């Protein structure tokens, strides 16, 4: 152990009932759910970063369930029943998130979601809109009304089709406020969160799990892994990291954009926040490079984001970029999240497929439910 005192061992590292790796949306919801189920238990959350490492504090704050083109694309590799389940879980997860924290706390606003289509791809646009009625029928049991319909280009975007697909069921929230509220809720319940702790390895032994970190080693009765995009560093599960690059403008006078917007099959996404435009995506420009656990930006993607801002999203509007960052998602060949018992005393909830805000709360609860 690296200079750990008796007091630290006694108060934080002894008689641990449940340890959670990852203090993101899934990890904190898992810890909160465990504490509510077992109020006398001692729970420790280990976090690699200063802030939650990955995407939980770095996402765009979309409270979404999948655009029309994304759902159509999912139907190519998933059955209709599987796609309905995916969408239903996202809606359940968002409902749970809002109930747990409150709309005011997380600055939730349901301004609707819009999918834009390039004016140079008429074939793809026509293919998508021809399926609106079928998708609305598929999703009717979930929403009890039509999910998608056509709307006019009222925001003045350029180089896109003169109509786009709108859904009233999509919202937006403040990612920072959401995560801050989750941290406060967990700590208020008595959950201990330790930051800057990297788990090197663990071993499941009789009735406990031995955990080795960069600062100390200790035992826990049960271990829950919620590291999503970094899952392959600890687990042998089919999860690949996917970096998402994001930028945000400085405040823009009389900003006319309001809502959440998807472009190019969901690979680009933008929204309004505090009179700014937050814009992210572009990993489809270079999938291989973006399949990484390293944070950072590339000129290829950042230049393309700025070009789309100038030519499509904010034409004839003067703007400046204020800040850039990236987050790491966990993806795979299937959109189904991996929630399973790994061994006798180890469980995981990973591969959220870029839908952490929507399903993170639900997956945290599902991990806890794996306990007998």
Protein backbone atom coordinates (compact mmCIF):
# COMPACT_ATOMS: atom_id res chain seq x y z
CA UNK A 1 0.00 0.00 0.00
CA UNK A 2 1.21 3.54 -0.83
CA UNK A 3 1.31 5.51 2.44
CA UNK A 4 -2.16 4.48 3.63
CA UNK A 5 -2.86 5.11 7.30
CA UNK A 6 -4.54 2.88 9.84
CA UNK A 7 -7.47 5.30 9.88
CA UNK A 8 -7.88 5.18 6.13
CA UNK A 9 -7.75 1.38 6.12
CA UNK A 10 -10.25 1.17 8.98
CA UNK A 11 -12.75 3.74 7.63
CA UNK A 12 -12.60 3.15 3.87
CA UNK A 13 -11.02 -0.22 3.11
CA UNK A 14 -12.24 -2.67 5.76
CA UNK A 15 -15.43 -4.77 5.81
CA UNK A 16 -16.55 -3.62 2.37
CA UNK A 17 -19.80 -5.25 1.30
CA UNK A 18 -20.05 -3.86 -2.23
CA UNK A 19 -17.47 -2.18 -4.45
CA UNK A 20 -18.43 -0.44 -7.70
CA UNK A 21 -15.80 0.43 -10.31
CA UNK A 22 -16.83 3.59 -12.15
CA UNK A 23 -18.66 6.63 -10.79
CA UNK A 24 -20.59 7.38 -13.97
CA UNK A 25 -24.35 7.15 -14.45
CA UNK A 26 -24.41 3.35 -14.24
CA UNK A 27 -21.98 3.03 -11.34
CA UNK A 28 -23.65 5.63 -9.14
CA UNK A 29 -27.13 4.30 -9.84
CA UNK A 30 -25.87 0.83 -8.98
CA UNK A 31 -24.42 2.09 -5.68
CA UNK A 32 -27.58 4.04 -4.83
CA UNK A 33 -29.77 1.04 -5.62
CA UNK A 34 -27.57 -1.22 -3.47
CA UNK A 35 -27.69 1.22 -0.56
CA UNK A 36 -31.46 1.45 -0.72
CA UNK A 37 -31.76 -2.33 -0.85
CA UNK A 38 -29.14 -2.93 1.84
CA UNK A 39 -29.12 0.27 3.96
CA UNK A 40 -26.62 -1.08 6.52
CA UNK A 41 -24.09 -2.15 3.89
CA UNK A 42 -20.71 -0.50 3.36
CA UNK A 43 -20.34 0.58 -0.27
CA UNK A 44 -17.28 2.02 -1.99
CA UNK A 45 -17.15 3.46 -5.50
CA UNK A 46 -13.73 3.58 -7.16
CA UNK A 47 -13.25 6.23 -9.83
CA UNK A 48 -10.24 6.42 -12.15
CA UNK A 49 -10.52 10.14 -12.85
CA UNK A 50 -10.96 13.41 -11.03
CA UNK A 51 -14.38 13.53 -12.68
CA UNK A 52 -16.23 10.41 -13.86
CA UNK A 53 -13.88 8.96 -16.47
CA UNK A 54 -15.54 8.11 -19.77
CA UNK A 55 -18.67 9.82 -21.07
CA UNK A 56 -20.99 10.47 -18.13
CA UNK A 57 -19.80 14.08 -17.61
CA UNK A 58 -18.70 14.55 -21.21
CA UNK A 59 -21.81 13.69 -23.23
CA UNK A 60 -24.05 16.16 -25.06
CA UNK A 61 -26.97 15.87 -22.64
CA UNK A 62 -29.40 14.31 -25.10
CA UNK A 63 -32.41 12.62 -23.47
CA UNK A 64 -33.06 10.57 -26.60
CA UNK A 65 -34.15 7.09 -27.60
CA UNK A 66 -32.94 6.85 -31.21
CA UNK A 67 -33.64 8.83 -34.38
CA UNK A 68 -35.67 7.40 -37.25
CA UNK A 69 -32.62 6.46 -39.31
CA UNK A 70 -30.90 4.90 -36.28
CA UNK A 71 -33.93 2.73 -35.57
CA UNK A 72 -34.14 1.69 -39.23
CA UNK A 73 -30.44 0.83 -39.13
CA UNK A 74 -30.93 -1.22 -35.94
CA UNK A 75 -33.65 -3.22 -37.70
CA UNK A 76 -31.01 -4.50 -40.13
CA UNK A 77 -29.25 -6.39 -37.35
CA UNK A 78 -31.97 -6.78 -34.69
CA UNK A 79 -35.50 -8.19 -34.80
CA UNK A 80 -38.50 -5.89 -34.46
CA UNK A 81 -39.07 -7.19 -30.94
CA UNK A 82 -35.45 -6.49 -30.01
CA UNK A 83 -35.67 -2.93 -31.34
CA UNK A 84 -38.90 -2.32 -29.44
CA UNK A 85 -37.16 -3.57 -26.30
CA UNK A 86 -34.20 -1.26 -26.91
CA UNK A 87 -36.44 1.80 -27.30
CA UNK A 88 -38.64 0.79 -24.37
CA UNK A 89 -35.63 0.46 -22.06
CA UNK A 90 -34.37 3.89 -23.09
CA UNK A 91 -37.75 5.43 -22.28
CA UNK A 92 -37.90 3.54 -18.96
CA UNK A 93 -34.39 4.69 -18.11
CA UNK A 94 -35.15 8.34 -18.84
CA UNK A 95 -38.32 8.14 -16.75
CA UNK A 96 -36.33 6.65 -13.87
CA UNK A 97 -33.62 9.33 -14.16
CA UNK A 98 -36.19 12.14 -14.07
CA UNK A 99 -38.06 10.59 -11.15
CA UNK A 100 -34.87 10.03 -9.16
CA UNK A 101 -33.41 13.53 -9.60
CA UNK A 102 -36.26 15.78 -10.71
CA UNK A 103 -36.58 17.77 -13.94
CA UNK A 104 -35.62 21.06 -12.30
CA UNK A 105 -32.46 19.61 -10.77
CA UNK A 106 -31.14 18.33 -14.10
CA UNK A 107 -32.58 21.22 -16.20
CA UNK A 108 -34.65 18.82 -18.27
CA UNK A 109 -36.55 20.38 -21.16
CA UNK A 110 -38.56 18.42 -23.71
CA UNK A 111 -38.11 20.64 -26.74
CA UNK A 112 -38.37 17.76 -29.18
CA UNK A 113 -35.85 16.08 -31.44
CA UNK A 114 -35.15 16.69 -35.12
CA UNK A 115 -33.36 14.57 -37.70
CA UNK A 116 -31.83 16.43 -40.64
CA UNK A 117 -30.97 14.90 -44.01
CA UNK A 118 -28.42 16.13 -46.53
CA UNK A 119 -29.88 17.68 -49.67
CA UNK A 120 -27.46 15.60 -51.74
CA UNK A 121 -28.84 12.27 -50.54
CA UNK A 122 -32.41 12.14 -51.80
CA UNK A 123 -32.43 8.37 -51.94
CA UNK A 124 -31.63 7.91 -48.26
CA UNK A 125 -34.10 10.65 -47.25
CA UNK A 126 -36.90 9.08 -49.28
CA UNK A 127 -36.11 5.63 -47.90
CA UNK A 128 -36.40 6.92 -44.34
CA UNK A 129 -39.60 8.93 -44.73
CA UNK A 130 -41.24 6.01 -46.57
CA UNK A 131 -40.82 4.01 -43.34
CA UNK A 132 -42.26 6.56 -40.91
CA UNK A 133 -45.69 4.93 -40.84
CA UNK A 134 -44.20 1.45 -40.24
CA UNK A 135 -41.95 2.67 -37.41
CA UNK A 136 -44.82 4.57 -35.83
CA UNK A 137 -46.85 1.35 -35.79
CA UNK A 138 -43.91 -0.55 -34.33
CA UNK A 139 -43.42 1.95 -31.51
CA UNK A 140 -47.10 2.74 -30.86
CA UNK A 141 -47.29 0.35 -27.84
CA UNK A 142 -44.53 2.44 -26.19
CA UNK A 143 -45.63 6.01 -26.96
CA UNK A 144 -49.39 5.50 -27.52
CA UNK A 145 -49.27 7.96 -30.43
CA UNK A 146 -47.20 8.60 -33.54
CA UNK A 147 -43.51 8.87 -32.68
CA UNK A 148 -42.19 10.57 -35.84
CA UNK A 149 -43.60 12.93 -38.45
CA UNK A 150 -42.35 15.39 -41.04
CA UNK A 151 -41.77 19.03 -40.17
CA UNK A 152 -40.66 22.06 -42.19
CA UNK A 153 -37.15 23.51 -41.93
CA UNK A 154 -38.13 26.37 -39.62
CA UNK A 155 -34.60 26.94 -38.25
CA UNK A 156 -33.08 28.05 -41.54
CA UNK A 157 -30.50 25.29 -41.85
CA UNK A 158 -28.78 25.07 -45.23
CA UNK A 159 -27.69 22.20 -47.45
CA UNK A 160 -30.36 19.90 -46.03
CA UNK A 161 -33.72 18.61 -47.24
CA UNK A 162 -36.50 21.18 -46.89
CA UNK A 163 -38.23 18.89 -44.42
CA UNK A 164 -36.93 16.93 -41.47
CA UNK A 165 -38.25 14.24 -39.14
CA UNK A 166 -39.53 15.46 -35.79
CA UNK A 167 -40.40 13.65 -32.55
CA UNK A 168 -41.96 15.44 -29.57
CA UNK A 169 -40.66 12.80 -27.15
CA UNK A 170 -37.00 13.81 -27.13
CA UNK A 171 -35.55 16.12 -24.47
CA UNK A 172 -32.32 17.65 -23.26
CA UNK A 173 -30.69 18.10 -19.88
CA UNK A 174 -27.64 19.56 -18.16
CA UNK A 175 -25.08 16.75 -17.92
CA UNK A 176 -23.04 18.44 -15.19
CA UNK A 177 -26.05 19.11 -12.99
CA UNK A 178 -27.26 15.53 -13.50
CA UNK A 179 -23.96 13.98 -12.43
CA UNK A 180 -23.50 16.39 -9.53
CA UNK A 181 -26.96 15.46 -8.25
CA UNK A 182 -26.17 11.74 -8.54
CA UNK A 183 -22.91 12.17 -6.61
CA UNK A 184 -24.64 14.14 -3.86
CA UNK A 185 -27.44 11.58 -3.64
CA UNK A 186 -25.00 8.68 -3.35
CA UNK A 187 -22.88 10.41 -0.71
CA UNK A 188 -25.94 11.49 1.27
CA UNK A 189 -26.95 7.83 1.48
CA UNK A 190 -23.50 6.99 2.83
CA UNK A 191 -21.78 5.70 -0.31
CA UNK A 192 -18.02 6.43 -0.26
CA UNK A 193 -16.54 7.66 -3.54
CA UNK A 194 -12.76 7.49 -3.99
CA UNK A 195 -11.33 9.34 -6.99
CA UNK A 196 -8.02 8.88 -8.85
CA UNK A 197 -8.11 5.15 -8.12
CA UNK A 198 -7.23 2.83 -11.00
CA UNK A 199 -8.11 -0.84 -10.58
CA UNK A 200 -5.25 -2.88 -11.97
CA UNK A 201 -6.75 -6.33 -11.49
CA UNK A 202 -9.13 -8.35 -9.37
CA UNK A 203 -9.54 -12.00 -8.44
CA UNK A 204 -12.71 -13.69 -7.30
CA UNK A 205 -11.87 -15.94 -4.36
CA UNK A 206 -14.09 -17.82 -1.93
CA UNK A 207 -16.75 -15.45 -0.56
CA UNK A 208 -14.88 -12.29 -1.60
CA UNK A 209 -13.06 -10.42 -4.35
CA UNK A 210 -9.44 -9.29 -3.97
CA UNK A 211 -8.87 -5.91 -5.66
CA UNK A 212 -5.50 -4.39 -6.53
CA UNK A 213 -5.35 -0.66 -7.29
CA UNK A 214 -2.65 1.91 -7.95
CA UNK A 215 -2.79 2.97 -4.26
CA UNK A 216 -3.95 0.03 -2.16
CA UNK A 217 -5.26 -3.53 -2.14
CA UNK A 218 -8.39 -4.64 -0.31
CA UNK A 219 -11.19 -7.18 -0.23
CA UNK A 220 -14.88 -6.75 -0.98
CA UNK A 221 -17.76 -9.18 -0.71
CA UNK A 222 -19.15 -8.31 -4.17
CA UNK A 223 -17.76 -6.34 -7.11
CA UNK A 224 -19.76 -4.42 -9.75
CA UNK A 225 -17.97 -3.21 -12.88
CA UNK A 226 -19.46 -0.17 -14.63
CA UNK A 227 -16.59 1.05 -16.79
CA UNK A 228 -18.41 0.92 -20.17
CA UNK A 229 -15.92 2.09 -22.84
CA UNK A 230 -13.00 0.89 -20.71
CA UNK A 231 -14.57 -2.51 -19.99
CA UNK A 232 -12.00 -4.48 -22.00
CA UNK A 233 -9.28 -3.39 -19.56
CA UNK A 234 -10.90 -5.52 -16.84
CA UNK A 235 -13.32 -7.88 -18.60
CA UNK A 236 -13.30 -10.31 -21.49
CA UNK A 237 -16.49 -8.93 -23.03
CA UNK A 238 -17.21 -7.73 -26.61
CA UNK A 239 -17.01 -4.00 -25.89
CA UNK A 240 -15.05 -1.55 -28.02
CA UNK A 241 -14.19 2.02 -27.00
CA UNK A 242 -15.58 4.77 -29.22
CA UNK A 243 -14.33 8.31 -28.80
CA UNK A 244 -16.80 11.13 -29.37
CA UNK A 245 -15.40 14.60 -30.04
CA UNK A 246 -17.41 17.65 -29.01
CA UNK A 247 -17.15 21.43 -29.24
CA UNK A 248 -19.21 24.33 -27.94
CA UNK A 249 -19.49 27.89 -29.22
CA UNK A 250 -19.35 31.08 -27.25
CA UNK A 251 -22.78 32.63 -26.53
CA UNK A 252 -24.58 33.74 -29.70
CA UNK A 253 -26.97 36.70 -29.69
CA UNK A 254 -30.55 35.78 -30.60
CA UNK A 255 -29.75 32.10 -31.06
CA UNK A 256 -32.74 30.65 -32.90
CA UNK A 257 -31.96 26.95 -32.42
CA UNK A 258 -34.01 25.13 -29.79
CA UNK A 259 -34.09 21.35 -29.43
CA UNK A 260 -31.90 18.34 -30.06
CA UNK A 261 -30.77 17.63 -33.60
CA UNK A 262 -29.39 14.57 -35.39
CA UNK A 263 -27.59 14.61 -38.72
CA UNK A 264 -26.09 11.94 -41.01
CA UNK A 265 -27.62 8.82 -39.39
CA UNK A 266 -26.95 10.17 -35.91
CA UNK A 267 -23.17 10.44 -36.36
CA UNK A 268 -23.53 14.20 -35.80
CA UNK A 269 -25.64 15.82 -33.10
CA UNK A 270 -26.15 19.33 -31.81
CA UNK A 271 -28.32 21.31 -29.41
CA UNK A 272 -28.81 24.68 -27.76
CA UNK A 273 -27.44 25.31 -24.25
CA UNK A 274 -27.08 28.72 -22.55
CA UNK A 275 -27.31 30.61 -25.88
CA UNK A 276 -24.57 28.39 -27.29
CA UNK A 277 -24.51 25.55 -29.80
CA UNK A 278 -23.01 22.30 -28.54
CA UNK A 279 -21.97 20.10 -31.47
CA UNK A 280 -20.39 16.65 -31.51
CA UNK A 281 -19.78 13.54 -33.55
CA UNK A 282 -17.90 12.68 -36.71
CA UNK A 283 -16.28 9.41 -35.66
CA UNK A 284 -17.62 7.90 -38.91
CA UNK A 285 -14.94 9.95 -40.68
CA UNK A 286 -12.25 7.71 -39.15
CA UNK A 287 -13.67 4.78 -37.18
CA UNK A 288 -10.29 3.18 -36.59
CA UNK A 289 -8.65 6.21 -35.02
CA UNK A 290 -11.71 6.88 -32.86
CA UNK A 291 -11.69 3.31 -31.51
CA UNK A 292 -9.51 4.42 -28.62
CA UNK A 293 -9.51 4.98 -24.86
CA UNK A 294 -7.33 8.09 -25.27
CA UNK A 295 -9.04 11.45 -24.89
CA UNK A 296 -8.26 14.15 -27.43
CA UNK A 297 -9.26 15.74 -30.72
CA UNK A 298 -8.20 15.35 -34.34
CA UNK A 299 -7.98 18.04 -37.00
CA UNK A 300 -9.99 15.87 -39.40
CA UNK A 301 -13.08 15.75 -37.18
CA UNK A 302 -12.78 19.19 -35.57
CA UNK A 303 -12.40 20.89 -38.95
CA UNK A 304 -15.42 19.01 -40.28
CA UNK A 305 -17.52 19.99 -37.27
CA UNK A 306 -16.61 23.64 -37.81
CA UNK A 307 -17.40 23.35 -41.52
CA UNK A 308 -20.87 21.96 -40.79
CA UNK A 309 -21.46 24.70 -38.22
CA UNK A 310 -20.57 27.37 -40.76
CA UNK A 311 -22.28 25.94 -43.84
CA UNK A 312 -25.29 24.07 -42.43
CA UNK A 313 -26.18 24.86 -38.82
CA UNK A 314 -25.25 28.53 -38.44
CA UNK A 315 -25.13 29.94 -41.97
CA UNK A 316 -24.74 33.72 -42.06
CA UNK A 317 -24.22 33.74 -38.27
CA UNK A 318 -20.95 34.86 -36.69
CA UNK A 319 -19.69 32.46 -34.03
CA UNK A 320 -16.54 31.51 -32.13
CA UNK A 321 -15.53 28.14 -30.68
CA UNK A 322 -15.17 28.39 -26.91
CA UNK A 323 -14.09 24.88 -25.88
CA UNK A 324 -13.44 21.36 -27.18
CA UNK A 325 -13.37 17.97 -25.44
CA UNK A 326 -14.03 14.27 -25.97
CA UNK A 327 -15.66 11.34 -24.21
CA UNK A 328 -15.28 7.57 -24.47
CA UNK A 329 -18.35 5.43 -25.15
CA UNK A 330 -18.67 1.64 -25.15
CA UNK A 331 -20.06 0.03 -28.32
CA UNK A 332 -20.26 -3.37 -29.98
CA UNK A 333 -21.85 -5.38 -32.76
CA UNK A 334 -25.12 -5.43 -30.80
CA UNK A 335 -27.02 -2.57 -29.20
CA UNK A 336 -27.98 -4.80 -26.28
CA UNK A 337 -26.26 -3.78 -23.07
CA UNK A 338 -24.20 -6.44 -21.32
CA UNK A 339 -25.61 -6.89 -17.82
CA UNK A 340 -24.45 -10.17 -16.36
CA UNK A 341 -22.82 -12.09 -13.54
CA UNK A 342 -19.19 -12.54 -14.52
CA UNK A 343 -18.27 -14.95 -11.70
CA UNK A 344 -19.55 -15.91 -8.25
CA UNK A 345 -19.00 -12.46 -6.76
CA UNK A 346 -18.45 -10.21 -9.79
CA UNK A 347 -21.09 -8.46 -11.93
CA UNK A 348 -20.99 -5.99 -14.80
CA UNK A 349 -23.12 -3.48 -16.69
CA UNK A 350 -21.30 -2.26 -19.82
CA UNK A 351 -21.67 -1.53 -23.58
CA UNK A 352 -24.26 1.24 -23.44
CA UNK A 353 -23.86 2.07 -27.13
CA UNK A 354 -23.88 5.86 -26.72
CA UNK A 355 -27.19 5.76 -24.82
CA UNK A 356 -25.82 6.19 -21.28
CA UNK A 357 -28.06 9.13 -20.37
CA UNK A 358 -31.14 7.20 -21.47
CA UNK A 359 -30.42 3.76 -20.02
CA UNK A 360 -27.74 4.34 -17.37
CA UNK A 361 -30.17 4.58 -14.45
CA UNK A 362 -31.97 1.42 -15.52
CA UNK A 363 -28.75 -0.55 -16.08
CA UNK A 364 -27.50 0.42 -12.62
CA UNK A 365 -30.68 -1.04 -11.14
CA UNK A 366 -30.47 -4.15 -13.32
CA UNK A 367 -26.96 -4.85 -12.03
CA UNK A 368 -28.22 -4.77 -8.45
CA UNK A 369 -31.09 -7.08 -9.36
CA UNK A 370 -28.54 -9.76 -10.35
CA UNK A 371 -27.92 -10.38 -6.65
CA UNK A 372 -29.86 -13.36 -5.35
